[in-house]
């Protein structure tokens, strides 16, 4: 079944269909998610893609902020695979928290960290050594997407 890309605040019953969550930098990062969607589809993925980057700019207003966090938490939990991409130049503080949380919970993670991201070596080391059964570390967005499709 060919499904779509879900962005907040939209919600959808995905019925257990294979899915990939696009985790990673949004604030202060280039808009890498459209390229990830293109790559996932090019590798034959037909399931749901959960993209937390809104179509309109994000607001820190309490109601909108809470809606965003609740949406992300819901779809991080529902995803078959969580793809994390940390591009250079972004702090990715929330993504780091989510990566640690879901790695510890045993969720399948496929992670790519560009050169220039602070503490890249540390994150890769911990993921490879502490979470090797459920976390795969990659070197490019292309590789992250290809492996995420295989794991989904």
C-alpha atoms as a PDB file:
ATOM      1  CA  UNK A   1       0.000   0.000   0.000  1.00  0.00           C
ATOM      2  CA  UNK A   2       1.472   3.369  -1.028  1.00  0.00           C
ATOM      3  CA  UNK A   3       0.912   5.847   1.777  1.00  0.00           C
ATOM      4  CA  UNK A   4       1.809   9.439   2.412  1.00  0.00           C
ATOM      5  CA  UNK A   5       3.866  11.879   4.365  1.00  0.00           C
ATOM      6  CA  UNK A   6       2.262  12.990   7.606  1.00  0.00           C
ATOM      7  CA  UNK A   7       3.163  16.395   9.083  1.00  0.00           C
ATOM      8  CA  UNK A   8       1.838  18.086  12.220  1.00  0.00           C
ATOM      9  CA  UNK A   9      -0.755  18.859  13.239  1.00  0.00           C
ATOM     10  CA  UNK A  10      -2.395  16.190  11.016  1.00  0.00           C
ATOM     11  CA  UNK A  11      -3.041  12.818  12.578  1.00  0.00           C
ATOM     12  CA  UNK A  12      -3.788   9.554  10.820  1.00  0.00           C
ATOM     13  CA  UNK A  13      -4.586   6.008  11.835  1.00  0.00           C
ATOM     14  CA  UNK A  14      -1.691   4.214  10.171  1.00  0.00           C
ATOM     15  CA  UNK A  15      -3.069   0.798  10.971  1.00  0.00           C
ATOM     16  CA  UNK A  16       0.273  -0.802  11.717  1.00  0.00           C
ATOM     17  CA  UNK A  17       1.621   0.012   8.235  1.00  0.00           C
ATOM     18  CA  UNK A  18       5.399   0.210   7.971  1.00  0.00           C
ATOM     19  CA  UNK A  19       6.579   3.719   8.870  1.00  0.00           C
ATOM     20  CA  UNK A  20       9.673   5.878   9.236  1.00  0.00           C
ATOM     21  CA  UNK A  21       9.949   8.924  11.500  1.00  0.00           C
ATOM     22  CA  UNK A  22      12.275  11.688  10.277  1.00  0.00           C
ATOM     23  CA  UNK A  23      14.068  12.557  13.488  1.00  0.00           C
ATOM     24  CA  UNK A  24      16.796  15.130  13.584  1.00  0.00           C
ATOM     25  CA  UNK A  25      17.491  18.803  13.451  1.00  0.00           C
ATOM     26  CA  UNK A  26      14.819  21.312  12.504  1.00  0.00           C
ATOM     27  CA  UNK A  27      15.633  24.491  14.430  1.00  0.00           C
ATOM     28  CA  UNK A  28      18.668  26.149  12.900  1.00  0.00           C
ATOM     29  CA  UNK A  29      19.065  23.422  10.270  1.00  0.00           C
ATOM     30  CA  UNK A  30      18.545  23.425   6.537  1.00  0.00           C
ATOM     31  CA  UNK A  31      15.341  21.792   5.346  1.00  0.00           C
ATOM     32  CA  UNK A  32      16.763  18.294   4.741  1.00  0.00           C
ATOM     33  CA  UNK A  33      13.459  16.432   5.084  1.00  0.00           C
ATOM     34  CA  UNK A  34      12.280  16.783   1.433  1.00  0.00           C
ATOM     35  CA  UNK A  35      15.532  15.174   0.276  1.00  0.00           C
ATOM     36  CA  UNK A  36      15.048  12.362   2.801  1.00  0.00           C
ATOM     37  CA  UNK A  37      11.492  11.752   1.554  1.00  0.00           C
ATOM     38  CA  UNK A  38      12.764  11.665  -2.040  1.00  0.00           C
ATOM     39  CA  UNK A  39      15.517   9.197  -1.114  1.00  0.00           C
ATOM     40  CA  UNK A  40      13.176   6.951   0.879  1.00  0.00           C
ATOM     41  CA  UNK A  41      10.775   6.759  -2.072  1.00  0.00           C
ATOM     42  CA  UNK A  42      13.659   6.225  -4.516  1.00  0.00           C
ATOM     43  CA  UNK A  43      14.703   3.216  -2.422  1.00  0.00           C
ATOM     44  CA  UNK A  44      11.189   1.810  -2.773  1.00  0.00           C
ATOM     45  CA  UNK A  45       9.629   2.726   0.563  1.00  0.00           C
ATOM     46  CA  UNK A  46       5.832   2.874   0.247  1.00  0.00           C
ATOM     47  CA  UNK A  47       4.885   3.164   3.925  1.00  0.00           C
ATOM     48  CA  UNK A  48       4.130   6.204   6.049  1.00  0.00           C
ATOM     49  CA  UNK A  49       6.744   8.899   6.549  1.00  0.00           C
ATOM     50  CA  UNK A  50       6.275  10.953   9.703  1.00  0.00           C
ATOM     51  CA  UNK A  51       7.868  14.373   9.172  1.00  0.00           C
ATOM     52  CA  UNK A  52       7.802  16.677  12.226  1.00  0.00           C
ATOM     53  CA  UNK A  53       8.744  19.764  10.190  1.00  0.00           C
ATOM     54  CA  UNK A  54       5.552  21.752   9.729  1.00  0.00           C
ATOM     55  CA  UNK A  55       4.515  23.202   6.387  1.00  0.00           C
ATOM     56  CA  UNK A  56       4.261  26.605   8.090  1.00  0.00           C
ATOM     57  CA  UNK A  57       6.717  28.163  10.506  1.00  0.00           C
ATOM     58  CA  UNK A  58       6.568  26.844  14.043  1.00  0.00           C
ATOM     59  CA  UNK A  59       5.348  28.999  16.899  1.00  0.00           C
ATOM     60  CA  UNK A  60       6.462  28.789  20.511  1.00  0.00           C
ATOM     61  CA  UNK A  61       2.936  29.687  21.652  1.00  0.00           C
ATOM     62  CA  UNK A  62       1.995  27.265  24.463  1.00  0.00           C
ATOM     63  CA  UNK A  63      -0.878  25.545  22.625  1.00  0.00           C
ATOM     64  CA  UNK A  64       1.057  25.095  19.389  1.00  0.00           C
ATOM     65  CA  UNK A  65       4.259  24.068  21.153  1.00  0.00           C
ATOM     66  CA  UNK A  66       2.443  21.407  23.191  1.00  0.00           C
ATOM     67  CA  UNK A  67       0.606  20.168  20.090  1.00  0.00           C
ATOM     68  CA  UNK A  68       3.977  19.792  18.317  1.00  0.00           C
ATOM     69  CA  UNK A  69       5.600  17.907  21.183  1.00  0.00           C
ATOM     70  CA  UNK A  70       2.576  15.624  21.590  1.00  0.00           C
ATOM     71  CA  UNK A  71       2.526  14.902  17.830  1.00  0.00           C
ATOM     72  CA  UNK A  72       6.233  14.070  17.792  1.00  0.00           C
ATOM     73  CA  UNK A  73       5.975  11.809  20.844  1.00  0.00           C
ATOM     74  CA  UNK A  74       2.998   9.944  19.377  1.00  0.00           C
ATOM     75  CA  UNK A  75       4.651   9.268  16.026  1.00  0.00           C
ATOM     76  CA  UNK A  76       8.097   8.500  17.439  1.00  0.00           C
ATOM     77  CA  UNK A  77       6.401   5.703  19.379  1.00  0.00           C
ATOM     78  CA  UNK A  78       4.353   4.509  16.372  1.00  0.00           C
ATOM     79  CA  UNK A  79       7.217   4.461  13.856  1.00  0.00           C
ATOM     80  CA  UNK A  80       8.662   1.142  12.732  1.00  0.00           C
ATOM     81  CA  UNK A  81      12.058   2.850  12.322  1.00  0.00           C
ATOM     82  CA  UNK A  82      13.343   6.209  13.508  1.00  0.00           C
ATOM     83  CA  UNK A  83      15.737   7.853  11.074  1.00  0.00           C
ATOM     84  CA  UNK A  84      17.929  10.515  12.673  1.00  0.00           C
ATOM     85  CA  UNK A  85      19.866  12.987  10.541  1.00  0.00           C
ATOM     86  CA  UNK A  86      21.967  15.619  12.289  1.00  0.00           C
ATOM     87  CA  UNK A  87      23.277  18.093   9.713  1.00  0.00           C
ATOM     88  CA  UNK A  88      26.253  20.313  10.406  1.00  0.00           C
ATOM     89  CA  UNK A  89      25.473  23.654  11.986  1.00  0.00           C
ATOM     90  CA  UNK A  90      22.499  22.602  14.101  1.00  0.00           C
ATOM     91  CA  UNK A  91      22.623  21.961  17.840  1.00  0.00           C
ATOM     92  CA  UNK A  92      20.011  19.158  17.704  1.00  0.00           C
ATOM     93  CA  UNK A  93      19.459  19.205  21.457  1.00  0.00           C
ATOM     94  CA  UNK A  94      15.973  17.697  21.307  1.00  0.00           C
ATOM     95  CA  UNK A  95      17.093  15.126  18.743  1.00  0.00           C
ATOM     96  CA  UNK A  96      19.940  14.018  21.003  1.00  0.00           C
ATOM     97  CA  UNK A  97      17.485  13.503  23.849  1.00  0.00           C
ATOM     98  CA  UNK A  98      15.101  11.534  21.609  1.00  0.00           C
ATOM     99  CA  UNK A  99      17.951   9.450  20.194  1.00  0.00           C
ATOM    100  CA  UNK A 100      19.119   8.439  23.667  1.00  0.00           C
ATOM    101  CA  UNK A 101      15.602   7.745  24.899  1.00  0.00           C
ATOM    102  CA  UNK A 102      14.536   5.565  21.981  1.00  0.00           C
ATOM    103  CA  UNK A 103      17.877   3.760  21.731  1.00  0.00           C
ATOM    104  CA  UNK A 104      17.502   2.797  25.395  1.00  0.00           C
ATOM    105  CA  UNK A 105      13.954   1.586  24.709  1.00  0.00           C
ATOM    106  CA  UNK A 106      15.214  -0.733  21.965  1.00  0.00           C
ATOM    107  CA  UNK A 107      13.592   1.076  19.039  1.00  0.00           C
ATOM    108  CA  UNK A 108      15.268   0.576  15.646  1.00  0.00           C
ATOM    109  CA  UNK A 109      17.347   3.693  14.927  1.00  0.00           C
ATOM    110  CA  UNK A 110      19.267   4.567  11.788  1.00  0.00           C
ATOM    111  CA  UNK A 111      21.505   7.549  12.528  1.00  0.00           C
ATOM    112  CA  UNK A 112      23.631   9.838  10.411  1.00  0.00           C
ATOM    113  CA  UNK A 113      25.700  12.691  11.810  1.00  0.00           C
ATOM    114  CA  UNK A 114      27.470  15.115   9.481  1.00  0.00           C
ATOM    115  CA  UNK A 115      30.997  16.315  10.088  1.00  0.00           C
ATOM    116  CA  UNK A 116      30.891  19.525  12.086  1.00  0.00           C
ATOM    117  CA  UNK A 117      28.206  18.410  14.568  1.00  0.00           C
ATOM    118  CA  UNK A 118      29.446  18.874  18.120  1.00  0.00           C
ATOM    119  CA  UNK A 119      30.139  15.604  19.932  1.00  0.00           C
ATOM    120  CA  UNK A 120      29.720  13.546  16.735  1.00  0.00           C
ATOM    121  CA  UNK A 121      32.484  11.123  17.728  1.00  0.00           C
ATOM    122  CA  UNK A 122      30.960  10.583  21.183  1.00  0.00           C
ATOM    123  CA  UNK A 123      27.433   9.941  19.871  1.00  0.00           C
ATOM    124  CA  UNK A 124      28.663   7.505  17.229  1.00  0.00           C
ATOM    125  CA  UNK A 125      30.838   5.672  19.750  1.00  0.00           C
ATOM    126  CA  UNK A 126      28.008   5.208  22.261  1.00  0.00           C
ATOM    127  CA  UNK A 127      25.491   4.152  19.615  1.00  0.00           C
ATOM    128  CA  UNK A 128      27.918   1.631  18.078  1.00  0.00           C
ATOM    129  CA  UNK A 129      29.038   0.175  21.402  1.00  0.00           C
ATOM    130  CA  UNK A 130      26.049   0.409  23.720  1.00  0.00           C
ATOM    131  CA  UNK A 131      23.149   0.071  21.267  1.00  0.00           C
ATOM    132  CA  UNK A 132      24.604  -1.969  18.410  1.00  0.00           C
ATOM    133  CA  UNK A 133      21.631  -4.365  18.456  1.00  0.00           C
ATOM    134  CA  UNK A 134      19.141  -1.647  17.527  1.00  0.00           C
ATOM    135  CA  UNK A 135      21.103   1.409  16.319  1.00  0.00           C
ATOM    136  CA  UNK A 136      22.925   1.660  12.998  1.00  0.00           C
ATOM    137  CA  UNK A 137      25.325   4.549  12.401  1.00  0.00           C
ATOM    138  CA  UNK A 138      25.730   5.816   8.831  1.00  0.00           C
ATOM    139  CA  UNK A 139      27.876   8.423   7.131  1.00  0.00           C
ATOM    140  CA  UNK A 140      25.450  10.108   4.704  1.00  0.00           C
ATOM    141  CA  UNK A 141      21.781  10.956   4.277  1.00  0.00           C
ATOM    142  CA  UNK A 142      21.694   8.609   1.273  1.00  0.00           C
ATOM    143  CA  UNK A 143      22.969   5.705   3.390  1.00  0.00           C
ATOM    144  CA  UNK A 144      20.648   6.536   6.307  1.00  0.00           C
ATOM    145  CA  UNK A 145      17.636   6.445   3.984  1.00  0.00           C
ATOM    146  CA  UNK A 146      18.678   3.230   2.217  1.00  0.00           C
ATOM    147  CA  UNK A 147      19.179   1.371   5.490  1.00  0.00           C
ATOM    148  CA  UNK A 148      16.002   2.792   7.064  1.00  0.00           C
ATOM    149  CA  UNK A 149      14.014   1.363   4.144  1.00  0.00           C
ATOM    150  CA  UNK A 150      15.605  -2.073   4.614  1.00  0.00           C
ATOM    151  CA  UNK A 151      14.878  -2.039   8.352  1.00  0.00           C
ATOM    152  CA  UNK A 152      11.278  -0.836   7.980  1.00  0.00           C
END
